[in-house]
Structure formats: structure tokens, C-alpha cells
PDB file of N, CA and C in Angstrom:
ATOM      1  N   MET A   1     102.580 131.012-222.503  1.00  0.00           N
ATOM      2  CA  MET A   1     102.301 132.111-223.409  1.00  0.00           C
ATOM      3  C   MET A   1     103.531 133.012-223.489  1.00  0.00           C
ATOM      4  N   ALA A   2     103.630 133.772-224.527  1.00  0.00           N
ATOM      5  CA  ALA A   2     104.757 134.676-224.710  1.00  0.00           C
ATOM      6  C   ALA A   2     104.236 136.002-225.251  1.00  0.00           C
ATOM      7  N   ILE A   3     105.061 136.708-225.944  1.00  0.00           N
ATOM      8  CA  ILE A   3     104.620 137.934-226.604  1.00  0.00           C
ATOM      9  C   ILE A   3     104.769 137.772-228.108  1.00  0.00           C
ATOM     10  N   THR A   4     104.019 138.562-228.856  1.00  0.00           N
ATOM     11  CA  THR A   4     104.128 138.548-230.307  1.00  0.00           C
ATOM     12  C   THR A   4     104.307 139.983-230.804  1.00  0.00           C
ATOM     13  N   VAL A   5     104.855 140.099-231.998  1.00  0.00           N
ATOM     14  CA  VAL A   5     105.077 141.402-232.628  1.00  0.00           C
ATOM     15  C   VAL A   5     104.571 141.301-234.055  1.00  0.00           C
ATOM     16  N   THR A   6     103.751 142.262-234.467  1.00  0.00           N
ATOM     17  CA  THR A   6     103.287 142.251-235.856  1.00  0.00           C
ATOM     18  C   THR A   6     104.456 142.571-236.775  1.00  0.00           C
ATOM     19  N   GLU A   7     104.320 142.173-238.021  1.00  0.00           N
ATOM     20  CA  GLU A   7     105.375 142.416-239.006  1.00  0.00           C
ATOM     21  C   GLU A   7     105.645 143.913-239.166  1.00  0.00           C
ATOM     22  N   LEU A   8     104.575 144.712-239.188  1.00  0.00           N
ATOM     23  CA  LEU A   8     104.734 146.156-239.337  1.00  0.00           C
ATOM     24  C   LEU A   8     105.471 146.750-238.136  1.00  0.00           C
ATOM     25  N   ALA A   9     105.126 146.324-236.934  1.00  0.00           N
ATOM     26  CA  ALA A   9     105.808 146.828-235.737  1.00  0.00           C
ATOM     27  C   ALA A   9     107.280 146.443-235.750  1.00  0.00           C
ATOM     28  N   GLU A  10     107.561 145.217-236.128  1.00  0.00           N
ATOM     29  CA  GLU A  10     108.946 144.767-236.186  1.00  0.00           C
ATOM     30  C   GLU A  10     109.753 145.604-237.186  1.00  0.00           C
ATOM     31  N   GLU A  11     109.175 145.862-238.353  1.00  0.00           N
ATOM     32  CA  GLU A  11     109.849 146.685-239.365  1.00  0.00           C
ATOM     33  C   GLU A  11     110.100 148.097-238.839  1.00  0.00           C
ATOM     34  N   ARG A  12     109.100 148.673-238.188  1.00  0.00           N
ATOM     35  CA  ARG A  12     109.211 150.046-237.694  1.00  0.00           C
ATOM     36  C   ARG A  12     110.249 150.144-236.573  1.00  0.00           C
ATOM     37  N   ILE A  13     110.239 149.201-235.633  1.00  0.00           N
ATOM     38  CA  ILE A  13     111.223 149.196-234.539  1.00  0.00           C
ATOM     39  C   ILE A  13     112.627 149.054-235.119  1.00  0.00           C
ATOM     40  N   HIS A  14     112.789 148.128-236.051  1.00  0.00           N
ATOM     41  CA  HIS A  14     114.092 147.918-236.680  1.00  0.00           C
ATOM     42  C   HIS A  14     114.555 149.187-237.402  1.00  0.00           C
ATOM     43  N   SER A  15     113.657 149.848-238.096  1.00  0.00           N
ATOM     44  CA  SER A  15     113.980 151.082-238.808  1.00  0.00           C
ATOM     45  C   SER A  15     114.460 152.167-237.838  1.00  0.00           C
ATOM     46  N   ILE A  16     113.782 152.304-236.718  1.00  0.00           N
ATOM     47  CA  ILE A  16     114.176 153.302-235.714  1.00  0.00           C
ATOM     48  C   ILE A  16     115.562 152.980-235.163  1.00  0.00           C
ATOM     49  N   LEU A  17     115.796 151.714-234.848  1.00  0.00           N
ATOM     50  CA  LEU A  17     117.101 151.319-234.325  1.00  0.00           C
ATOM     51  C   LEU A  17     118.214 151.600-235.339  1.00  0.00           C
ATOM     52  N   CYS A  18     117.954 151.336-236.604  1.00  0.00           N
ATOM     53  CA  CYS A  18     118.955 151.593-237.639  1.00  0.00           C
ATOM     54  C   CYS A  18     119.218 153.088-237.797  1.00  0.00           C
ATOM     55  N   LYS A  19     118.163 153.907-237.757  1.00  0.00           N
ATOM     56  CA  LYS A  19     118.335 155.355-237.853  1.00  0.00           C
ATOM     57  C   LYS A  19     119.151 155.891-236.684  1.00  0.00           C
ATOM     58  N   ARG A  20     119.001 155.270-235.521  1.00  0.00           N
ATOM     59  CA  ARG A  20     119.761 155.667-234.332  1.00  0.00           C
ATOM     60  C   ARG A  20     121.183 155.100-234.363  1.00  0.00           C
ATOM     61  N   GLN A  21     121.471 154.291-235.366  1.00  0.00           N
ATOM     62  CA  GLN A  21     122.750 153.599-235.513  1.00  0.00           C
ATOM     63  C   GLN A  21     123.017 152.659-234.337  1.00  0.00           C
ATOM     64  N   THR A  22     121.941 152.033-233.862  1.00  0.00           N
ATOM     65  CA  THR A  22     122.042 151.062-232.765  1.00  0.00           C
ATOM     66  C   THR A  22     121.215 149.809-233.098  1.00  0.00           C
ATOM     67  N   PRO A  23     121.467 149.174-234.252  1.00  0.00           N
ATOM     68  CA  PRO A  23     120.610 148.055-234.661  1.00  0.00           C
ATOM     69  C   PRO A  23     120.672 146.849-233.721  1.00  0.00           C
ATOM     70  N   GLU A  24     121.678 146.760-232.868  1.00  0.00           N
ATOM     71  CA  GLU A  24     121.789 145.622-231.954  1.00  0.00           C
ATOM     72  C   GLU A  24     121.137 145.879-230.600  1.00  0.00           C
ATOM     73  N   HIS A  25     120.588 147.065-230.392  1.00  0.00           N
ATOM     74  CA  HIS A  25     119.947 147.366-229.116  1.00  0.00           C
ATOM     75  C   HIS A  25     118.627 146.614-228.958  1.00  0.00           C
ATOM     76  N   TRP A  26     118.141 146.582-227.755  1.00  0.00           N
ATOM     77  CA  TRP A  26     116.894 145.907-227.396  1.00  0.00           C
ATOM     78  C   TRP A  26     115.801 146.939-227.150  1.00  0.00           C
ATOM     79  N   LEU A  27     114.561 146.565-227.429  1.00  0.00           N
ATOM     80  CA  LEU A  27     113.401 147.346-227.010  1.00  0.00           C
ATOM     81  C   LEU A  27     113.013 146.803-225.642  1.00  0.00           C
ATOM     82  N   ARG A  28     113.044 147.654-224.623  1.00  0.00           N
ATOM     83  CA  ARG A  28     112.693 147.226-223.268  1.00  0.00           C
ATOM     84  C   ARG A  28     111.316 147.780-222.944  1.00  0.00           C
ATOM     85  N   ILE A  29     110.392 146.892-222.596  1.00  0.00           N
ATOM     86  CA  ILE A  29     109.012 147.272-222.312  1.00  0.00           C
ATOM     87  C   ILE A  29     108.727 147.022-220.843  1.00  0.00           C
ATOM     88  N   ALA A  30     107.970 147.939-220.229  1.00  0.00           N
ATOM     89  CA  ALA A  30     107.608 147.798-218.823  1.00  0.00           C
ATOM     90  C   ALA A  30     106.213 148.363-218.595  1.00  0.00           C
ATOM     91  N   VAL A  31     105.662 148.058-217.446  1.00  0.00           N
ATOM     92  CA  VAL A  31     104.412 148.646-216.991  1.00  0.00           C
ATOM     93  C   VAL A  31     104.752 149.484-215.766  1.00  0.00           C
ATOM     94  N   ARG A  32     104.316 150.735-215.764  1.00  0.00           N
ATOM     95  CA  ARG A  32     104.576 151.655-214.657  1.00  0.00           C
ATOM     96  C   ARG A  32     103.257 152.189-214.116  1.00  0.00           C
ATOM     97  N   GLY A  33     103.246 152.544-212.853  1.00  0.00           N
ATOM     98  CA  GLY A  33     102.075 153.178-212.261  1.00  0.00           C
ATOM     99  C   GLY A  33     101.870 154.553-212.864  1.00  0.00           C
ATOM    100  N   GLY A  34     100.611 154.938-213.078  1.00  0.00           N
ATOM    101  CA  GLY A  34     100.306 156.262-213.612  1.00  0.00           C
ATOM    102  C   GLY A  34      99.194 156.208-214.633  1.00  0.00           C
ATOM    103  N   GLY A  35      98.866 157.349-215.161  1.00  0.00           N
ATOM    104  CA  GLY A  35      97.808 157.433-216.164  1.00  0.00           C
ATOM    105  C   GLY A  35      96.429 157.411-215.534  1.00  0.00           C
ATOM    106  N   CYS A  36      95.431 157.659-216.319  1.00  0.00           N
ATOM    107  CA  CYS A  36      94.073 157.760-215.795  1.00  0.00           C
ATOM    108  C   CYS A  36      93.461 156.409-215.426  1.00  0.00           C
ATOM    109  N   SER A  37      94.040 155.303-215.905  1.00  0.00           N
ATOM    110  CA  SER A  37      93.507 153.976-215.559  1.00  0.00           C
ATOM    111  C   SER A  37      94.368 153.239-214.536  1.00  0.00           C
ATOM    112  N   GLY A  38      95.455 153.848-214.101  1.00  0.00           N
ATOM    113  CA  GLY A  38      96.269 153.234-213.060  1.00  0.00           C
ATOM    114  C   GLY A  38      97.656 152.791-213.476  1.00  0.00           C
ATOM    115  N   PHE A  39      97.806 152.320-214.720  1.00  0.00           N
ATOM    116  CA  PHE A  39      99.108 151.874-215.218  1.00  0.00           C
ATOM    117  C   PHE A  39      99.337 152.424-216.619  1.00  0.00           C
ATOM    118  N   MET A  40     100.612 152.524-216.983  1.00  0.00           N
ATOM    119  CA  MET A  40     100.974 152.973-218.320  1.00  0.00           C
ATOM    120  C   MET A  40     102.072 152.079-218.875  1.00  0.00           C
ATOM    121  N   TYR A  41     102.088 151.918-220.190  1.00  0.00           N
ATOM    122  CA  TYR A  41     103.187 151.223-220.846  1.00  0.00           C
ATOM    123  C   TYR A  41     104.378 152.172-220.921  1.00  0.00           C
ATOM    124  N   ASP A  42     105.566 151.631-220.730  1.00  0.00           N
ATOM    125  CA  ASP A  42     106.789 152.409-220.814  1.00  0.00           C
ATOM    126  C   ASP A  42     107.760 151.604-221.666  1.00  0.00           C
ATOM    127  N   TYR A  43     108.425 152.251-222.593  1.00  0.00           N
ATOM    128  CA  TYR A  43     109.409 151.521-223.388  1.00  0.00           C
ATOM    129  C   TYR A  43     110.584 152.411-223.734  1.00  0.00           C
ATOM    130  N   SER A  44     111.728 151.768-223.907  1.00  0.00           N
ATOM    131  CA  SER A  44     112.963 152.472-224.236  1.00  0.00           C
ATOM    132  C   SER A  44     113.873 151.504-224.974  1.00  0.00           C
ATOM    133  N   PHE A  45     114.936 152.053-225.534  1.00  0.00           N
ATOM    134  CA  PHE A  45     115.942 151.221-226.189  1.00  0.00           C
ATOM    135  C   PHE A  45     117.134 151.095-225.255  1.00  0.00           C
ATOM    136  N   VAL A  46     117.605 149.868-225.070  1.00  0.00           N
ATOM    137  CA  VAL A  46     118.740 149.611-224.183  1.00  0.00           C
ATOM    138  C   VAL A  46     119.771 148.764-224.910  1.00  0.00           C
ATOM    139  N   SER A  47     121.021 148.895-224.494  1.00  0.00           N
ATOM    140  CA  SER A  47     122.092 148.146-225.164  1.00  0.00           C
ATOM    141  C   SER A  47     122.064 146.667-224.821  1.00  0.00           C
ATOM    142  N   SER A  48     121.562 146.333-223.628  1.00  0.00           N
ATOM    143  CA  SER A  48     121.455 144.918-223.252  1.00  0.00           C
ATOM    144  C   SER A  48     120.387 144.771-222.179  1.00  0.00           C
ATOM    145  N   PRO A  49     119.778 143.599-222.098  1.00  0.00           N
ATOM    146  CA  PRO A  49     118.762 143.382-221.074  1.00  0.00           C
ATOM    147  C   PRO A  49     119.397 143.262-219.694  1.00  0.00           C
ATOM    148  N   GLU A  50     118.586 143.488-218.678  1.00  0.00           N
ATOM    149  CA  GLU A  50     119.055 143.277-217.314  1.00  0.00           C
ATOM    150  C   GLU A  50     119.015 141.784-217.003  1.00  0.00           C
ATOM    151  N   GLU A  51     119.700 141.401-215.965  1.00  0.00           N
ATOM    152  CA  GLU A  51     119.899 139.978-215.661  1.00  0.00           C
ATOM    153  C   GLU A  51     118.607 139.174-215.564  1.00  0.00           C
ATOM    154  N   LYS A  52     117.575 139.716-214.928  1.00  0.00           N
ATOM    155  CA  LYS A  52     116.336 138.951-214.714  1.00  0.00           C
ATOM    156  C   LYS A  52     115.251 139.234-215.747  1.00  0.00           C
ATOM    157  N   ASP A  53     115.578 139.998-216.779  1.00  0.00           N
ATOM    158  CA  ASP A  53     114.596 140.308-217.820  1.00  0.00           C
ATOM    159  C   ASP A  53     114.206 139.054-218.602  1.00  0.00           C
ATOM    160  N   LYS A  54     112.944 138.994-218.994  1.00  0.00           N
ATOM    161  CA  LYS A  54     112.501 138.000-219.966  1.00  0.00           C
ATOM    162  C   LYS A  54     112.959 138.499-221.334  1.00  0.00           C
ATOM    163  N   GLN A  55     113.499 137.602-222.128  1.00  0.00           N
ATOM    164  CA  GLN A  55     114.071 138.001-223.414  1.00  0.00           C
ATOM    165  C   GLN A  55     113.383 137.285-224.567  1.00  0.00           C
ATOM    166  N   PHE A  56     113.126 138.052-225.631  1.00  0.00           N
ATOM    167  CA  PHE A  56     112.473 137.525-226.820  1.00  0.00           C
ATOM    168  C   PHE A  56     113.224 138.030-228.044  1.00  0.00           C
ATOM    169  N   GLU A  57     113.551 137.128-228.948  1.00  0.00           N
ATOM    170  CA  GLU A  57     114.231 137.524-230.182  1.00  0.00           C
ATOM    171  C   GLU A  57     113.346 137.163-231.370  1.00  0.00           C
ATOM    172  N   PHE A  58     113.155 138.140-232.235  1.00  0.00           N
ATOM    173  CA  PHE A  58     112.364 137.963-233.440  1.00  0.00           C
ATOM    174  C   PHE A  58     113.302 138.092-234.635  1.00  0.00           C
ATOM    175  N   ASN A  59     112.785 138.128-235.834  1.00  0.00           N
ATOM    176  CA  ASN A  59     113.640 138.204-237.027  1.00  0.00           C
ATOM    177  C   ASN A  59     114.567 139.408-237.014  1.00  0.00           C
ATOM    178  N   LYS A  60     114.021 140.589-236.706  1.00  0.00           N
ATOM    179  CA  LYS A  60     114.809 141.818-236.817  1.00  0.00           C
ATOM    180  C   LYS A  60     114.972 142.581-235.515  1.00  0.00           C
ATOM    181  N   VAL A  61     114.247 142.217-234.474  1.00  0.00           N
ATOM    182  CA  VAL A  61     114.318 142.960-233.214  1.00  0.00           C
ATOM    183  C   VAL A  61     114.410 142.008-232.024  1.00  0.00           C
ATOM    184  N   LYS A  62     114.950 142.559-230.938  1.00  0.00           N
ATOM    185  CA  LYS A  62     115.035 141.844-229.675  1.00  0.00           C
ATOM    186  C   LYS A  62     114.281 142.675-228.642  1.00  0.00           C
ATOM    187  N   ILE A  63     113.477 142.000-227.834  1.00  0.00           N
ATOM    188  CA  ILE A  63     112.648 142.678-226.837  1.00  0.00           C
ATOM    189  C   ILE A  63     112.919 142.067-225.476  1.00  0.00           C
ATOM    190  N   CYS A  64     113.017 142.924-224.460  1.00  0.00           N
ATOM    191  CA  CYS A  64     113.166 142.439-223.094  1.00  0.00           C
ATOM    192  C   CYS A  64     112.111 143.109-222.217  1.00  0.00           C
ATOM    193  N   ILE A  65     111.697 142.378-221.180  1.00  0.00           N
ATOM    194  CA  ILE A  65     110.666 142.847-220.258  1.00  0.00           C
ATOM    195  C   ILE A  65     111.111 142.472-218.858  1.00  0.00           C
ATOM    196  N   ASP A  66     111.058 143.442-217.929  1.00  0.00           N
ATOM    197  CA  ASP A  66     111.444 143.109-216.567  1.00  0.00           C
ATOM    198  C   ASP A  66     110.458 142.091-215.982  1.00  0.00           C
ATOM    199  N   ALA A  67     110.923 141.319-215.009  1.00  0.00           N
ATOM    200  CA  ALA A  67     110.144 140.185-214.484  1.00  0.00           C
ATOM    201  C   ALA A  67     108.789 140.609-213.913  1.00  0.00           C
ATOM    202  N   LYS A  68     108.725 141.724-213.199  1.00  0.00           N
ATOM    203  CA  LYS A  68     107.450 142.179-212.632  1.00  0.00           C
ATOM    204  C   LYS A  68     106.465 142.571-213.725  1.00  0.00           C
ATOM    205  N   SER A  69     106.948 143.329-214.691  1.00  0.00           N
ATOM    206  CA  SER A  69     106.070 143.770-215.779  1.00  0.00           C
ATOM    207  C   SER A  69     105.583 142.589-216.611  1.00  0.00           C
ATOM    208  N   TYR A  70     106.400 141.550-216.719  1.00  0.00           N
ATOM    209  CA  TYR A  70     106.011 140.396-217.525  1.00  0.00           C
ATOM    210  C   TYR A  70     104.747 139.729-216.980  1.00  0.00           C
ATOM    211  N   LEU A  71     104.515 139.828-215.684  1.00  0.00           N
ATOM    212  CA  LEU A  71     103.279 139.293-215.107  1.00  0.00           C
ATOM    213  C   LEU A  71     102.051 139.938-215.745  1.00  0.00           C
ATOM    214  N   PHE A  72     102.179 141.216-216.125  1.00  0.00           N
ATOM    215  CA  PHE A  72     101.076 141.960-216.743  1.00  0.00           C
ATOM    216  C   PHE A  72     101.121 141.931-218.272  1.00  0.00           C
ATOM    217  N   LEU A  73     102.282 141.599-218.838  1.00  0.00           N
ATOM    218  CA  LEU A  73     102.454 141.687-220.295  1.00  0.00           C
ATOM    219  C   LEU A  73     102.487 140.334-220.996  1.00  0.00           C
ATOM    220  N   ASN A  74     102.430 139.259-220.263  1.00  0.00           N
ATOM    221  CA  ASN A  74     102.442 137.925-220.856  1.00  0.00           C
ATOM    222  C   ASN A  74     101.241 137.789-221.802  1.00  0.00           C
ATOM    223  N   GLY A  75     101.490 137.472-223.044  1.00  0.00           N
ATOM    224  CA  GLY A  75     100.433 137.319-224.040  1.00  0.00           C
ATOM    225  C   GLY A  75     100.187 138.555-224.884  1.00  0.00           C
ATOM    226  N   ILE A  76     100.919 139.618-224.646  1.00  0.00           N
ATOM    227  CA  ILE A  76     100.694 140.881-225.354  1.00  0.00           C
ATOM    228  C   ILE A  76     101.109 140.777-226.824  1.00  0.00           C
ATOM    229  N   GLU A  77     100.382 141.508-227.659  1.00  0.00           N
ATOM    230  CA  GLU A  77     100.765 141.651-229.064  1.00  0.00           C
ATOM    231  C   GLU A  77     101.176 143.107-229.275  1.00  0.00           C
ATOM    232  N   ILE A  78     102.385 143.297-229.770  1.00  0.00           N
ATOM    233  CA  ILE A  78     102.897 144.636-230.046  1.00  0.00           C
ATOM    234  C   ILE A  78     102.650 144.926-231.518  1.00  0.00           C
ATOM    235  N   GLY A  79     101.961 146.005-231.779  1.00  0.00           N
ATOM    236  CA  GLY A  79     101.647 146.400-233.143  1.00  0.00           C
ATOM    237  C   GLY A  79     102.145 147.807-233.415  1.00  0.00           C
ATOM    238  N   TYR A  80     101.824 148.299-234.578  1.00  0.00           N
ATOM    239  CA  TYR A  80     102.187 149.663-234.950  1.00  0.00           C
ATOM    240  C   TYR A  80     101.017 150.275-235.700  1.00  0.00           C
ATOM    241  N   GLU A  81     100.676 151.508-235.328  1.00  0.00           N
ATOM    242  CA  GLU A  81      99.558 152.221-235.951  1.00  0.00           C
ATOM    243  C   GLU A  81     100.076 153.513-236.551  1.00  0.00           C
ATOM    244  N   GLU A  82      99.602 153.815-237.737  1.00  0.00           N
ATOM    245  CA  GLU A  82      99.941 155.093-238.358  1.00  0.00           C
ATOM    246  C   GLU A  82      98.672 155.653-238.984  1.00  0.00           C
ATOM    247  N   SER A  83      98.220 156.788-238.443  1.00  0.00           N
ATOM    248  CA  SER A  83      97.017 157.436-238.953  1.00  0.00           C
ATOM    249  C   SER A  83      97.240 158.945-238.958  1.00  0.00           C
ATOM    250  N   LEU A  84      96.240 159.690-239.366  1.00  0.00           N
ATOM    251  CA  LEU A  84      96.355 161.143-239.369  1.00  0.00           C
ATOM    252  C   LEU A  84      96.510 161.701-237.955  1.00  0.00           C
ATOM    253  N   MET A  85      95.922 161.040-236.986  1.00  0.00           N
ATOM    254  CA  MET A  85      95.920 161.543-235.611  1.00  0.00           C
ATOM    255  C   MET A  85      97.054 161.000-234.751  1.00  0.00           C
ATOM    256  N   LYS A  86      97.603 159.841-235.112  1.00  0.00           N
ATOM    257  CA  LYS A  86      98.552 159.205-234.218  1.00  0.00           C
ATOM    258  C   LYS A  86      99.437 158.219-234.975  1.00  0.00           C
ATOM    259  N   SER A  87     100.662 158.107-234.540  1.00  0.00           N
ATOM    260  CA  SER A  87     101.510 157.031-235.047  1.00  0.00           C
ATOM    261  C   SER A  87     102.372 156.550-233.895  1.00  0.00           C
ATOM    262  N   GLY A  88     102.565 155.245-233.824  1.00  0.00           N
ATOM    263  CA  GLY A  88     103.391 154.680-232.766  1.00  0.00           C
ATOM    264  C   GLY A  88     103.019 153.245-232.461  1.00  0.00           C
ATOM    265  N   LEU A  89     103.704 152.699-231.478  1.00  0.00           N
ATOM    266  CA  LEU A  89     103.452 151.324-231.070  1.00  0.00           C
ATOM    267  C   LEU A  89     102.096 151.203-230.410  1.00  0.00           C
ATOM    268  N   THR A  90     101.474 150.064-230.610  1.00  0.00           N
ATOM    269  CA  THR A  90     100.220 149.747-229.933  1.00  0.00           C
ATOM    270  C   THR A  90     100.421 148.457-229.150  1.00  0.00           C
ATOM    271  N   PHE A  91      99.660 148.300-228.089  1.00  0.00           N
ATOM    272  CA  PHE A  91      99.781 147.131-227.238  1.00  0.00           C
ATOM    273  C   PHE A  91      98.402 146.502-227.072  1.00  0.00           C
ATOM    274  N   ASN A  92      98.233 145.310-227.627  1.00  0.00           N
ATOM    275  CA  ASN A  92      96.989 144.568-227.480  1.00  0.00           C
ATOM    276  C   ASN A  92      97.227 143.564-226.353  1.00  0.00           C
ATOM    277  N   ASN A  93      96.712 143.891-225.176  1.00  0.00           N
ATOM    278  CA  ASN A  93      96.997 143.113-223.984  1.00  0.00           C
ATOM    279  C   ASN A  93      95.737 142.365-223.530  1.00  0.00           C
ATOM    280  N   PRO A  94      95.727 141.031-223.636  1.00  0.00           N
ATOM    281  CA  PRO A  94      94.546 140.274-223.228  1.00  0.00           C
ATOM    282  C   PRO A  94      94.286 140.324-221.724  1.00  0.00           C
ATOM    283  N   GLN A  95      95.263 140.733-220.942  1.00  0.00           N
ATOM    284  CA  GLN A  95      95.081 140.805-219.494  1.00  0.00           C
ATOM    285  C   GLN A  95      94.490 142.135-219.029  1.00  0.00           C
ATOM    286  N   ALA A  96      94.471 143.140-219.898  1.00  0.00           N
ATOM    287  CA  ALA A  96      93.949 144.456-219.529  1.00  0.00           C
ATOM    288  C   ALA A  96      92.449 144.377-219.321  1.00  0.00           C
ATOM    289  N   LYS A  97      91.997 144.897-218.209  1.00  0.00           N
ATOM    290  CA  LYS A  97      90.561 144.931-217.911  1.00  0.00           C
ATOM    291  C   LYS A  97      89.904 146.167-218.521  1.00  0.00           C
ATOM    292  N   ARG A  98      90.689 147.245-218.613  1.00  0.00           N
ATOM    293  CA  ARG A  98      90.145 148.505-219.122  1.00  0.00           C
ATOM    294  C   ARG A  98      91.282 149.347-219.669  1.00  0.00           C
ATOM    295  N   THR A  99      91.015 150.093-220.734  1.00  0.00           N
ATOM    296  CA  THR A  99      91.978 151.056-221.263  1.00  0.00           C
ATOM    297  C   THR A  99      91.286 152.404-221.371  1.00  0.00           C
ATOM    298  N   CYS A 100      92.068 153.464-221.321  1.00  0.00           N
ATOM    299  CA  CYS A 100      91.473 154.785-221.480  1.00  0.00           C
ATOM    300  C   CYS A 100      91.356 155.117-222.970  1.00  0.00           C
ATOM    301  N   GLY A 101      90.736 156.210-223.279  1.00  0.00           N
ATOM    302  CA  GLY A 101      90.511 156.600-224.665  1.00  0.00           C
ATOM    303  C   GLY A 101      91.767 156.802-225.476  1.00  0.00           C
ATOM    304  N   CYS A 102      92.841 157.244-224.815  1.00  0.00           N
ATOM    305  CA  CYS A 102      94.084 157.511-225.554  1.00  0.00           C
ATOM    306  C   CYS A 102      94.847 156.208-225.849  1.00  0.00           C
ATOM    307  N   GLY A 103      94.499 155.112-225.159  1.00  0.00           N
ATOM    308  CA  GLY A 103      95.163 153.838-225.389  1.00  0.00           C
ATOM    309  C   GLY A 103      96.504 153.714-224.686  1.00  0.00           C
ATOM    310  N   GLU A 104      96.908 154.722-223.934  1.00  0.00           N
ATOM    311  CA  GLU A 104      98.194 154.706-223.247  1.00  0.00           C
ATOM    312  C   GLU A 104      98.082 154.181-221.824  1.00  0.00           C
ATOM    313  N   SER A 105      96.906 154.248-221.249  1.00  0.00           N
ATOM    314  CA  SER A 105      96.708 153.902-219.844  1.00  0.00           C
ATOM    315  C   SER A 105      95.813 152.656-219.744  1.00  0.00           C
ATOM    316  N   ILE A 106      96.149 151.773-218.797  1.00  0.00           N
ATOM    317  CA  ILE A 106      95.428 150.505-218.659  1.00  0.00           C
ATOM    318  C   ILE A 106      95.185 150.176-217.184  1.00  0.00           C
ATOM    319  N   SER A 107      94.260 149.282-216.948  1.00  0.00           N
ATOM    320  CA  SER A 107      94.067 148.744-215.600  1.00  0.00           C
ATOM    321  C   SER A 107      93.955 147.229-215.717  1.00  0.00           C
ATOM    322  N   PHE A 108      94.318 146.550-214.646  1.00  0.00           N
ATOM    323  CA  PHE A 108      94.306 145.095-214.614  1.00  0.00           C
ATOM    324  C   PHE A 108      93.370 144.588-213.533  1.00  0.00           C
TER     325      PHE A 108
END
């Protein structure tokens, strides 16, 4: 299994990278301890992946995930939501046992 990115998420990530004038950077995703359910998604833009990162290249974006986090993120679908209340990346994780109401915190 790997990860997938919706077309809308890919367009939005690419747009952000271009606005930052860093279109060749990577989106780095990780799972960190914290939040009301025990873990939280963490992401940032980096110029290159770390040596042991899992790497994924799509049409317009490149994504890397550290090896430990990949154990929890394998199979994830990265999407993008835009509504009156919220806009940003979404993570549909088949391995998550529970998520909190805000959608930012998960448990496995």
C-alpha cells in the first residue's frame, strides 16, 4: 500500500509552493504525540527529504514521510477541504481507530 493525494489537494499544495517561490520543495508529513486523541498530524515544506524518508512523487507535488510515521500513515489519502468554517488539508487514514471532532487528532 502507499499514499494517495486527491486532485484538489495536489493543486492546492502546488499553488502554495509556487506562491512561496519554492515549487521544488517537498511536503513532509509526520505523526506526533499530542492532541485529545493521542496523536496529531504534522506537516511542513522542506527542500529535500531526509535519508530514510519514504518518498512519493505525484504529477505536481512530492511528499516525504519519516519511516516511523509511515507505519501509521501507510494507505492514507490526503485531501483538501474548503468550507465556511475551515480550509486545509484533510487526512483520510484507514488505520485510525478514532478521531476527535476537529479532525486534527487521531488514535491508533
